[in-house]
Amino acid sequence: MTQLKPAVNSNDHIDGDINSPLELVEYGDYECPYCGRAYPIIKGIQEKLGPRLKFVFRNFPLSKVHPHAFTAAVAAEAAGQQGKFWEMHDIIFEHQRSLDDASIIRYAESIGLDMKRFEHDIQQKIHIDKVHNDFESGMRSGVNRTPSFFINGKKYEGEWEGEALLQHLKSLLMDTSIKPG
């Protein structure tokens, strides 16, 4: 079974308790229609599992087929500099069909970012490098499509649509041998 490389660390955006018994990592592309379909499923899973789940999103922009995915990923990283990664992540997925530069700026304004700082930060190499590093870690981890999921460090090859992923995660919670990541 393919392992997550590197393991979740301080460079990641973590939504949830870092000591949760379940760790779900998604490698995603903001312009990918499948990732767009996965977005509300993951939100529902987070709501249902609450403190028993921590969620991590890593960027895996497939730029050749999704021309706005890389810029959207950098925008989310830049928003993270102001503590609003998840707000930007959400608004981008909620408006996935409009990811041109002007739209990204409107989204940044709508979530209350300091726009002068955002427009500076989006140009910074550190955020571009973060997206590249996420992509490279996906390649090392065996990611070959988006979305790709890892549960507690192991690649999940099962179905994710509908209730399938939620049911799998719940079954893992029943296994008393799992330990927090």
N, C-alpha and C. Protein backbone atom coordinates (compact mmCIF):
# COMPACT_ATOMS: atom_id res chain seq x y z
N MET A 1 0.84 -1.18 0.00
CA MET A 1 0.00 0.00 0.00
C MET A 1 0.89 1.24 0.00
N THR A 2 0.50 2.23 -0.79
CA THR A 2 1.28 3.44 -0.94
C THR A 2 1.18 4.32 0.30
N GLN A 3 2.32 4.83 0.73
CA GLN A 3 2.40 5.68 1.92
C GLN A 3 2.45 7.16 1.53
N LEU A 4 1.93 8.00 2.38
CA LEU A 4 1.99 9.44 2.23
C LEU A 4 3.41 9.91 2.50
N LYS A 5 3.98 10.67 1.54
CA LYS A 5 5.36 11.15 1.67
C LYS A 5 5.40 12.64 1.32
N PRO A 6 5.76 13.49 2.25
CA PRO A 6 6.02 13.24 3.66
C PRO A 6 4.72 13.14 4.45
N ALA A 7 4.86 12.68 5.68
CA ALA A 7 3.71 12.64 6.59
C ALA A 7 3.22 14.07 6.83
N VAL A 8 2.00 14.20 7.30
CA VAL A 8 1.45 15.51 7.63
C VAL A 8 2.38 16.19 8.63
N ASN A 9 2.63 17.47 8.37
CA ASN A 9 3.58 18.21 9.21
C ASN A 9 3.16 19.68 9.30
N SER A 10 4.01 20.48 9.88
CA SER A 10 3.69 21.89 10.13
C SER A 10 3.54 22.72 8.85
N ASN A 11 3.96 22.20 7.71
CA ASN A 11 3.77 22.91 6.44
C ASN A 11 2.36 22.76 5.89
N ASP A 12 1.59 21.82 6.45
CA ASP A 12 0.25 21.54 5.96
C ASP A 12 -0.79 22.43 6.62
N HIS A 13 -1.89 22.62 5.90
CA HIS A 13 -3.07 23.27 6.46
C HIS A 13 -3.94 22.16 7.03
N ILE A 14 -4.17 22.22 8.33
CA ILE A 14 -4.92 21.16 9.03
C ILE A 14 -6.22 21.75 9.54
N ASP A 15 -7.32 21.11 9.17
CA ASP A 15 -8.63 21.51 9.66
C ASP A 15 -9.10 20.42 10.62
N GLY A 16 -9.15 20.76 11.90
CA GLY A 16 -9.53 19.79 12.91
C GLY A 16 -8.43 19.63 13.95
N ASP A 17 -8.70 18.79 14.92
CA ASP A 17 -7.79 18.53 16.03
C ASP A 17 -6.60 17.70 15.54
N ILE A 18 -5.39 18.18 15.77
CA ILE A 18 -4.21 17.45 15.29
C ILE A 18 -4.07 16.07 15.94
N ASN A 19 -4.75 15.86 17.06
CA ASN A 19 -4.69 14.56 17.74
C ASN A 19 -5.86 13.64 17.39
N SER A 20 -6.63 13.99 16.38
CA SER A 20 -7.77 13.15 15.98
C SER A 20 -7.30 11.76 15.59
N PRO A 21 -8.13 10.75 15.85
CA PRO A 21 -7.73 9.38 15.49
C PRO A 21 -7.71 9.12 13.98
N LEU A 22 -8.44 9.94 13.22
CA LEU A 22 -8.46 9.78 11.77
C LEU A 22 -7.87 11.01 11.10
N GLU A 23 -7.00 10.75 10.13
CA GLU A 23 -6.37 11.81 9.36
C GLU A 23 -6.70 11.55 7.89
N LEU A 24 -7.40 12.49 7.27
CA LEU A 24 -7.75 12.39 5.87
C LEU A 24 -7.01 13.47 5.10
N VAL A 25 -6.19 13.05 4.16
CA VAL A 25 -5.44 13.98 3.32
C VAL A 25 -5.99 13.87 1.90
N GLU A 26 -6.31 15.02 1.33
CA GLU A 26 -6.74 15.05 -0.07
C GLU A 26 -5.70 15.77 -0.89
N TYR A 27 -5.29 15.14 -1.99
CA TYR A 27 -4.54 15.83 -3.03
C TYR A 27 -5.58 16.27 -4.04
N GLY A 28 -5.71 17.59 -4.21
CA GLY A 28 -6.76 18.08 -5.06
C GLY A 28 -6.33 19.22 -5.96
N ASP A 29 -7.20 19.48 -6.92
CA ASP A 29 -7.02 20.49 -7.95
C ASP A 29 -8.28 21.35 -7.92
N TYR A 30 -8.13 22.65 -7.70
CA TYR A 30 -9.29 23.52 -7.54
C TYR A 30 -10.18 23.60 -8.78
N GLU A 31 -9.66 23.24 -9.94
CA GLU A 31 -10.45 23.33 -11.17
C GLU A 31 -10.97 21.97 -11.62
N CYS A 32 -10.59 20.91 -10.93
CA CYS A 32 -11.00 19.56 -11.30
C CYS A 32 -12.47 19.33 -10.96
N PRO A 33 -13.28 18.92 -11.92
CA PRO A 33 -14.71 18.70 -11.61
C PRO A 33 -14.93 17.59 -10.58
N TYR A 34 -14.07 16.58 -10.55
CA TYR A 34 -14.21 15.51 -9.56
C TYR A 34 -13.90 16.04 -8.16
N CYS A 35 -12.90 16.89 -8.05
CA CYS A 35 -12.60 17.52 -6.76
C CYS A 35 -13.76 18.42 -6.34
N GLY A 36 -14.37 19.07 -7.31
CA GLY A 36 -15.55 19.88 -7.02
C GLY A 36 -16.69 19.03 -6.47
N ARG A 37 -16.85 17.82 -7.00
CA ARG A 37 -17.88 16.91 -6.49
C ARG A 37 -17.49 16.37 -5.11
N ALA A 38 -16.20 16.20 -4.88
CA ALA A 38 -15.73 15.68 -3.59
C ALA A 38 -15.86 16.73 -2.48
N TYR A 39 -15.78 18.01 -2.84
CA TYR A 39 -15.78 19.08 -1.84
C TYR A 39 -16.97 19.00 -0.86
N PRO A 40 -18.23 18.93 -1.33
CA PRO A 40 -19.33 18.85 -0.34
C PRO A 40 -19.36 17.51 0.39
N ILE A 41 -18.85 16.47 -0.22
CA ILE A 41 -18.78 15.16 0.45
C ILE A 41 -17.83 15.26 1.65
N ILE A 42 -16.67 15.87 1.42
CA ILE A 42 -15.69 16.03 2.51
C ILE A 42 -16.26 16.93 3.60
N LYS A 43 -16.93 18.01 3.20
CA LYS A 43 -17.56 18.90 4.20
C LYS A 43 -18.55 18.12 5.06
N GLY A 44 -19.34 17.27 4.43
CA GLY A 44 -20.31 16.45 5.16
C GLY A 44 -19.64 15.47 6.10
N ILE A 45 -18.55 14.87 5.64
CA ILE A 45 -17.79 13.94 6.48
C ILE A 45 -17.23 14.67 7.69
N GLN A 46 -16.68 15.86 7.46
CA GLN A 46 -16.14 16.65 8.57
C GLN A 46 -17.23 16.96 9.59
N GLU A 47 -18.40 17.30 9.10
CA GLU A 47 -19.51 17.62 9.99
C GLU A 47 -19.94 16.40 10.80
N LYS A 48 -20.01 15.25 10.14
CA LYS A 48 -20.49 14.03 10.81
C LYS A 48 -19.46 13.46 11.78
N LEU A 49 -18.18 13.55 11.44
CA LEU A 49 -17.15 12.96 12.30
C LEU A 49 -16.58 13.94 13.32
N GLY A 50 -16.78 15.22 13.08
CA GLY A 50 -16.37 16.24 14.05
C GLY A 50 -14.94 16.08 14.53
N PRO A 51 -14.74 16.06 15.86
CA PRO A 51 -13.38 16.04 16.41
C PRO A 51 -12.64 14.71 16.19
N ARG A 52 -13.30 13.73 15.64
CA ARG A 52 -12.62 12.46 15.38
C ARG A 52 -11.84 12.48 14.07
N LEU A 53 -11.91 13.60 13.31
CA LEU A 53 -11.26 13.69 12.00
C LEU A 53 -10.47 14.97 11.87
N LYS A 54 -9.26 14.83 11.37
CA LYS A 54 -8.53 16.03 10.92
C LYS A 54 -8.38 15.89 9.41
N PHE A 55 -8.57 17.02 8.72
CA PHE A 55 -8.53 17.04 7.26
C PHE A 55 -7.38 17.93 6.81
N VAL A 56 -6.66 17.45 5.80
CA VAL A 56 -5.53 18.18 5.23
C VAL A 56 -5.75 18.24 3.72
N PHE A 57 -5.56 19.42 3.13
CA PHE A 57 -5.65 19.57 1.68
C PHE A 57 -4.26 19.90 1.16
N ARG A 58 -3.80 19.10 0.20
CA ARG A 58 -2.54 19.38 -0.49
C ARG A 58 -2.84 19.65 -1.95
N ASN A 59 -2.12 20.63 -2.48
CA ASN A 59 -2.34 21.07 -3.86
C ASN A 59 -1.76 20.08 -4.87
N PHE A 60 -2.57 19.75 -5.85
CA PHE A 60 -2.10 18.89 -6.95
C PHE A 60 -2.72 19.43 -8.25
N PRO A 61 -2.32 20.67 -8.64
CA PRO A 61 -2.93 21.28 -9.82
C PRO A 61 -2.47 20.61 -11.11
N LEU A 62 -3.43 20.16 -11.87
CA LEU A 62 -3.15 19.54 -13.17
C LEU A 62 -3.23 20.64 -14.22
N SER A 63 -2.18 21.43 -14.28
CA SER A 63 -2.18 22.68 -15.04
C SER A 63 -2.39 22.51 -16.54
N LYS A 64 -2.01 21.37 -17.08
CA LYS A 64 -2.17 21.18 -18.53
C LYS A 64 -3.64 21.10 -18.93
N VAL A 65 -4.49 20.56 -18.05
CA VAL A 65 -5.92 20.45 -18.37
C VAL A 65 -6.76 21.48 -17.61
N HIS A 66 -6.21 22.05 -16.56
CA HIS A 66 -6.94 23.03 -15.75
C HIS A 66 -6.08 24.29 -15.62
N PRO A 67 -6.22 25.23 -16.58
CA PRO A 67 -5.29 26.37 -16.65
C PRO A 67 -5.33 27.32 -15.46
N HIS A 68 -6.40 27.32 -14.66
CA HIS A 68 -6.48 28.23 -13.52
C HIS A 68 -6.14 27.55 -12.18
N ALA A 69 -5.90 26.26 -12.21
CA ALA A 69 -5.72 25.51 -10.96
C ALA A 69 -4.49 25.95 -10.18
N PHE A 70 -3.40 26.19 -10.86
CA PHE A 70 -2.17 26.58 -10.16
C PHE A 70 -2.34 27.94 -9.48
N THR A 71 -2.88 28.91 -10.21
CA THR A 71 -3.09 30.24 -9.64
C THR A 71 -4.05 30.18 -8.47
N ALA A 72 -5.09 29.38 -8.59
CA ALA A 72 -6.04 29.24 -7.48
C ALA A 72 -5.35 28.66 -6.25
N ALA A 73 -4.47 27.68 -6.46
CA ALA A 73 -3.74 27.07 -5.34
C ALA A 73 -2.83 28.10 -4.68
N VAL A 74 -2.13 28.89 -5.48
CA VAL A 74 -1.25 29.93 -4.93
C VAL A 74 -2.09 30.96 -4.16
N ALA A 75 -3.26 31.29 -4.68
CA ALA A 75 -4.14 32.25 -3.99
C ALA A 75 -4.57 31.72 -2.63
N ALA A 76 -4.89 30.43 -2.56
CA ALA A 76 -5.27 29.84 -1.26
C ALA A 76 -4.09 29.89 -0.30
N GLU A 77 -2.90 29.60 -0.80
CA GLU A 77 -1.71 29.66 0.06
C GLU A 77 -1.45 31.09 0.53
N ALA A 78 -1.63 32.06 -0.36
CA ALA A 78 -1.43 33.47 0.02
C ALA A 78 -2.48 33.89 1.05
N ALA A 79 -3.71 33.43 0.90
CA ALA A 79 -4.75 33.73 1.89
C ALA A 79 -4.38 33.13 3.24
N GLY A 80 -3.70 31.99 3.20
CA GLY A 80 -3.24 31.35 4.43
C GLY A 80 -2.29 32.23 5.22
N GLN A 81 -1.57 33.12 4.56
CA GLN A 81 -0.68 34.05 5.26
C GLN A 81 -1.46 34.98 6.18
N GLN A 82 -2.75 35.15 5.87
CA GLN A 82 -3.60 36.00 6.71
C GLN A 82 -4.56 35.16 7.55
N GLY A 83 -4.24 33.86 7.66
CA GLY A 83 -5.06 32.98 8.48
C GLY A 83 -6.39 32.60 7.84
N LYS A 84 -6.48 32.71 6.52
CA LYS A 84 -7.75 32.44 5.85
C LYS A 84 -7.62 31.42 4.72
N PHE A 85 -6.73 30.44 4.92
CA PHE A 85 -6.59 29.40 3.90
C PHE A 85 -7.92 28.70 3.66
N TRP A 86 -8.57 28.25 4.74
CA TRP A 86 -9.78 27.44 4.57
C TRP A 86 -10.93 28.25 3.99
N GLU A 87 -11.01 29.54 4.33
CA GLU A 87 -12.05 30.39 3.74
C GLU A 87 -11.85 30.50 2.23
N MET A 88 -10.57 30.70 1.82
CA MET A 88 -10.28 30.81 0.38
C MET A 88 -10.48 29.46 -0.30
N HIS A 89 -10.03 28.40 0.32
CA HIS A 89 -10.23 27.04 -0.20
C HIS A 89 -11.72 26.83 -0.50
N ASP A 90 -12.56 27.16 0.47
CA ASP A 90 -14.00 26.93 0.32
C ASP A 90 -14.59 27.78 -0.79
N ILE A 91 -14.27 29.07 -0.80
CA ILE A 91 -14.89 29.94 -1.80
C ILE A 91 -14.43 29.58 -3.21
N ILE A 92 -13.20 29.14 -3.35
CA ILE A 92 -12.72 28.72 -4.67
C ILE A 92 -13.51 27.50 -5.14
N PHE A 93 -13.67 26.50 -4.28
CA PHE A 93 -14.45 25.33 -4.68
C PHE A 93 -15.92 25.68 -4.94
N GLU A 94 -16.46 26.60 -4.17
CA GLU A 94 -17.85 26.98 -4.34
C GLU A 94 -18.09 27.78 -5.62
N HIS A 95 -17.03 28.32 -6.21
CA HIS A 95 -17.12 29.09 -7.46
C HIS A 95 -16.12 28.53 -8.48
N GLN A 96 -16.01 27.24 -8.50
CA GLN A 96 -14.99 26.54 -9.27
C GLN A 96 -14.99 26.87 -10.77
N ARG A 97 -16.10 27.26 -11.32
CA ARG A 97 -16.17 27.54 -12.76
C ARG A 97 -15.70 28.95 -13.12
N SER A 98 -15.38 29.75 -12.11
CA SER A 98 -14.92 31.13 -12.34
C SER A 98 -13.64 31.35 -11.56
N LEU A 99 -12.53 30.95 -12.14
CA LEU A 99 -11.24 31.06 -11.44
C LEU A 99 -10.24 31.95 -12.17
N ASP A 100 -10.74 32.87 -13.00
CA ASP A 100 -9.84 33.82 -13.64
C ASP A 100 -9.29 34.77 -12.58
N ASP A 101 -8.28 35.54 -12.94
CA ASP A 101 -7.62 36.42 -11.96
C ASP A 101 -8.58 37.40 -11.30
N ALA A 102 -9.48 38.01 -12.08
CA ALA A 102 -10.42 38.99 -11.52
C ALA A 102 -11.34 38.32 -10.49
N SER A 103 -11.76 37.10 -10.77
CA SER A 103 -12.62 36.38 -9.82
C SER A 103 -11.88 36.07 -8.54
N ILE A 104 -10.63 35.62 -8.66
CA ILE A 104 -9.82 35.31 -7.47
C ILE A 104 -9.69 36.56 -6.58
N ILE A 105 -9.49 37.72 -7.19
CA ILE A 105 -9.40 38.97 -6.44
C ILE A 105 -10.72 39.26 -5.73
N ARG A 106 -11.85 39.05 -6.41
CA ARG A 106 -13.17 39.26 -5.78
C ARG A 106 -13.36 38.33 -4.60
N TYR A 107 -12.93 37.08 -4.74
CA TYR A 107 -13.08 36.12 -3.63
C TYR A 107 -12.24 36.56 -2.44
N ALA A 108 -11.02 37.01 -2.72
CA ALA A 108 -10.14 37.47 -1.64
C ALA A 108 -10.77 38.65 -0.90
N GLU A 109 -11.35 39.58 -1.66
CA GLU A 109 -12.03 40.73 -1.04
C GLU A 109 -13.22 40.26 -0.20
N SER A 110 -13.98 39.29 -0.73
CA SER A 110 -15.21 38.86 -0.06
C SER A 110 -14.95 38.13 1.26
N ILE A 111 -13.75 37.55 1.42
CA ILE A 111 -13.45 36.89 2.69
C ILE A 111 -12.69 37.81 3.65
N GLY A 112 -12.55 39.07 3.23
CA GLY A 112 -11.99 40.08 4.13
C GLY A 112 -10.48 40.13 4.21
N LEU A 113 -9.81 39.72 3.14
CA LEU A 113 -8.35 39.80 3.16
C LEU A 113 -7.88 41.25 3.02
N ASP A 114 -6.73 41.54 3.59
CA ASP A 114 -6.04 42.80 3.35
C ASP A 114 -5.54 42.70 1.91
N MET A 115 -6.17 43.44 1.01
CA MET A 115 -5.92 43.24 -0.42
C MET A 115 -4.52 43.65 -0.85
N LYS A 116 -3.99 44.69 -0.26
CA LYS A 116 -2.63 45.10 -0.61
C LYS A 116 -1.65 43.97 -0.26
N ARG A 117 -1.83 43.42 0.92
CA ARG A 117 -0.97 42.32 1.36
C ARG A 117 -1.19 41.08 0.49
N PHE A 118 -2.47 40.75 0.18
CA PHE A 118 -2.77 39.58 -0.66
C PHE A 118 -2.13 39.72 -2.03
N GLU A 119 -2.27 40.89 -2.65
CA GLU A 119 -1.71 41.10 -3.99
C GLU A 119 -0.18 41.00 -3.97
N HIS A 120 0.43 41.33 -2.85
CA HIS A 120 1.87 41.15 -2.69
C HIS A 120 2.19 39.67 -2.48
N ASP A 121 1.46 39.05 -1.54
CA ASP A 121 1.74 37.66 -1.17
C ASP A 121 1.54 36.68 -2.32
N ILE A 122 0.58 36.93 -3.18
CA ILE A 122 0.29 35.99 -4.26
C ILE A 122 1.45 35.91 -5.26
N GLN A 123 2.31 36.92 -5.23
CA GLN A 123 3.48 36.95 -6.13
C GLN A 123 4.72 36.28 -5.51
N GLN A 124 4.62 35.92 -4.24
CA GLN A 124 5.80 35.46 -3.51
C GLN A 124 6.19 34.02 -3.85
N LYS A 125 7.48 33.82 -4.02
CA LYS A 125 8.03 32.51 -4.36
C LYS A 125 7.66 31.44 -3.32
N ILE A 126 7.57 31.82 -2.06
CA ILE A 126 7.28 30.84 -1.01
C ILE A 126 5.96 30.12 -1.26
N HIS A 127 4.95 30.83 -1.78
CA HIS A 127 3.64 30.22 -2.03
C HIS A 127 3.67 29.38 -3.31
N ILE A 128 4.38 29.87 -4.30
CA ILE A 128 4.55 29.11 -5.54
C ILE A 128 5.29 27.82 -5.23
N ASP A 129 6.35 27.93 -4.41
CA ASP A 129 7.12 26.75 -4.01
C ASP A 129 6.27 25.77 -3.21
N LYS A 130 5.39 26.28 -2.34
CA LYS A 130 4.53 25.40 -1.54
C LYS A 130 3.64 24.56 -2.46
N VAL A 131 3.07 25.17 -3.49
CA VAL A 131 2.23 24.43 -4.43
C VAL A 131 3.07 23.39 -5.16
N HIS A 132 4.25 23.78 -5.62
CA HIS A 132 5.15 22.82 -6.29
C HIS A 132 5.54 21.68 -5.34
N ASN A 133 5.84 22.00 -4.09
CA ASN A 133 6.23 20.97 -3.12
C ASN A 133 5.08 20.01 -2.83
N ASP A 134 3.85 20.54 -2.72
CA ASP A 134 2.70 19.66 -2.54
C ASP A 134 2.58 18.71 -3.73
N PHE A 135 2.72 19.26 -4.93
CA PHE A 135 2.59 18.44 -6.14
C PHE A 135 3.66 17.33 -6.15
N GLU A 136 4.89 17.73 -5.83
CA GLU A 136 5.99 16.74 -5.80
C GLU A 136 5.74 15.67 -4.74
N SER A 137 5.21 16.05 -3.58
CA SER A 137 4.93 15.05 -2.55
C SER A 137 3.83 14.11 -3.03
N GLY A 138 2.89 14.64 -3.79
CA GLY A 138 1.86 13.78 -4.38
C GLY A 138 2.46 12.77 -5.34
N MET A 139 3.39 13.22 -6.16
CA MET A 139 4.05 12.30 -7.09
C MET A 139 4.79 11.20 -6.32
N ARG A 140 5.52 11.59 -5.28
CA ARG A 140 6.26 10.60 -4.46
C ARG A 140 5.32 9.65 -3.73
N SER A 141 4.10 10.12 -3.47
CA SER A 141 3.12 9.31 -2.74
C SER A 141 2.25 8.44 -3.65
N GLY A 142 2.48 8.53 -4.96
CA GLY A 142 1.73 7.70 -5.89
C GLY A 142 0.42 8.29 -6.38
N VAL A 143 0.25 9.60 -6.23
CA VAL A 143 -0.97 10.25 -6.73
C VAL A 143 -0.92 10.26 -8.25
N ASN A 144 -2.00 9.78 -8.86
CA ASN A 144 -2.07 9.77 -10.33
C ASN A 144 -3.38 10.35 -10.85
N ARG A 145 -4.20 10.87 -9.95
CA ARG A 145 -5.45 11.53 -10.35
C ARG A 145 -5.94 12.37 -9.17
N THR A 146 -6.89 13.25 -9.50
CA THR A 146 -7.49 14.05 -8.44
C THR A 146 -8.99 13.79 -8.43
N PRO A 147 -9.58 13.74 -7.24
CA PRO A 147 -8.89 13.77 -5.95
C PRO A 147 -8.26 12.42 -5.63
N SER A 148 -7.21 12.45 -4.85
CA SER A 148 -6.61 11.25 -4.26
C SER A 148 -6.59 11.45 -2.76
N PHE A 149 -6.92 10.39 -2.05
CA PHE A 149 -7.05 10.47 -0.60
C PHE A 149 -6.08 9.52 0.09
N PHE A 150 -5.62 9.95 1.26
CA PHE A 150 -4.80 9.14 2.15
C PHE A 150 -5.47 9.17 3.52
N ILE A 151 -5.59 8.00 4.11
CA ILE A 151 -6.18 7.90 5.45
C ILE A 151 -5.11 7.36 6.38
N ASN A 152 -4.81 8.14 7.40
CA ASN A 152 -3.76 7.78 8.37
C ASN A 152 -2.47 7.35 7.65
N GLY A 153 -2.13 8.09 6.61
CA GLY A 153 -0.86 7.88 5.91
C GLY A 153 -0.87 6.85 4.80
N LYS A 154 -1.98 6.17 4.59
CA LYS A 154 -2.05 5.13 3.55
C LYS A 154 -3.02 5.55 2.46
N LYS A 155 -2.63 5.31 1.20
CA LYS A 155 -3.48 5.69 0.08
C LYS A 155 -4.78 4.91 0.12
N TYR A 156 -5.87 5.64 -0.05
CA TYR A 156 -7.21 5.04 -0.06
C TYR A 156 -7.60 4.81 -1.51
N GLU A 157 -7.84 3.56 -1.85
CA GLU A 157 -8.16 3.20 -3.24
C GLU A 157 -9.64 2.94 -3.45
N GLY A 158 -10.44 3.05 -2.40
CA GLY A 158 -11.86 2.75 -2.50
C GLY A 158 -12.66 3.89 -3.11
N GLU A 159 -13.95 3.68 -3.17
CA GLU A 159 -14.90 4.67 -3.69
C GLU A 159 -15.00 5.83 -2.69
N TRP A 160 -15.13 7.04 -3.18
CA TRP A 160 -15.27 8.20 -2.30
C TRP A 160 -16.61 8.90 -2.46
N GLU A 161 -17.32 8.62 -3.53
CA GLU A 161 -18.60 9.30 -3.76
C GLU A 161 -19.69 8.69 -2.89
N GLY A 162 -20.78 9.45 -2.76
CA GLY A 162 -21.89 8.99 -1.94
C GLY A 162 -21.45 8.87 -0.49
N GLU A 163 -21.82 7.77 0.14
CA GLU A 163 -21.50 7.53 1.55
C GLU A 163 -20.28 6.61 1.72
N ALA A 164 -19.67 6.19 0.62
CA ALA A 164 -18.62 5.17 0.69
C ALA A 164 -17.44 5.58 1.57
N LEU A 165 -16.91 6.78 1.37
CA LEU A 165 -15.76 7.22 2.16
C LEU A 165 -16.14 7.39 3.62
N LEU A 166 -17.29 7.98 3.87
CA LEU A 166 -17.75 8.14 5.26
C LEU A 166 -17.88 6.79 5.94
N GLN A 167 -18.48 5.82 5.28
CA GLN A 167 -18.66 4.50 5.89
C GLN A 167 -17.31 3.84 6.17
N HIS A 168 -16.36 4.02 5.24
CA HIS A 168 -15.02 3.45 5.47
C HIS A 168 -14.36 4.09 6.70
N LEU A 169 -14.45 5.42 6.79
CA LEU A 169 -13.87 6.11 7.94
C LEU A 169 -14.53 5.68 9.24
N LYS A 170 -15.86 5.54 9.22
CA LYS A 170 -16.56 5.08 10.43
C LYS A 170 -16.11 3.67 10.82
N SER A 171 -15.89 2.82 9.83
CA SER A 171 -15.43 1.46 10.14
C SER A 171 -14.05 1.48 10.78
N LEU A 172 -13.22 2.41 10.36
CA LEU A 172 -11.89 2.55 10.98
C LEU A 172 -12.00 3.01 12.43
N LEU A 173 -12.97 3.87 12.70
CA LEU A 173 -13.17 4.32 14.08
C LEU A 173 -13.58 3.17 14.99
N MET A 174 -14.25 2.16 14.42
CA MET A 174 -14.68 1.01 15.21
C MET A 174 -13.49 0.12 15.56
N ASP A 175 -12.42 0.24 14.78
CA ASP A 175 -11.21 -0.56 15.01
C ASP A 175 -10.44 0.10 16.15
N THR A 176 -10.48 -0.47 17.30
CA THR A 176 -9.85 0.14 18.48
C THR A 176 -8.33 0.19 18.41
N SER A 177 -7.76 -0.47 17.41
CA SER A 177 -6.30 -0.46 17.31
C SER A 177 -5.76 0.77 16.60
N ILE A 178 -6.63 1.59 15.97
CA ILE A 178 -6.07 2.77 15.30
C ILE A 178 -5.64 3.79 16.32
N LYS A 179 -4.57 4.43 16.00
CA LYS A 179 -4.00 5.44 16.88
C LYS A 179 -4.00 6.79 16.16
N PRO A 180 -4.11 7.87 16.91
CA PRO A 180 -4.03 9.19 16.28
C PRO A 180 -2.74 9.32 15.51
N GLY A 181 -2.83 10.09 14.36
CA GLY A 181 -1.66 10.31 13.50
C GLY A 181 -0.56 10.94 14.25
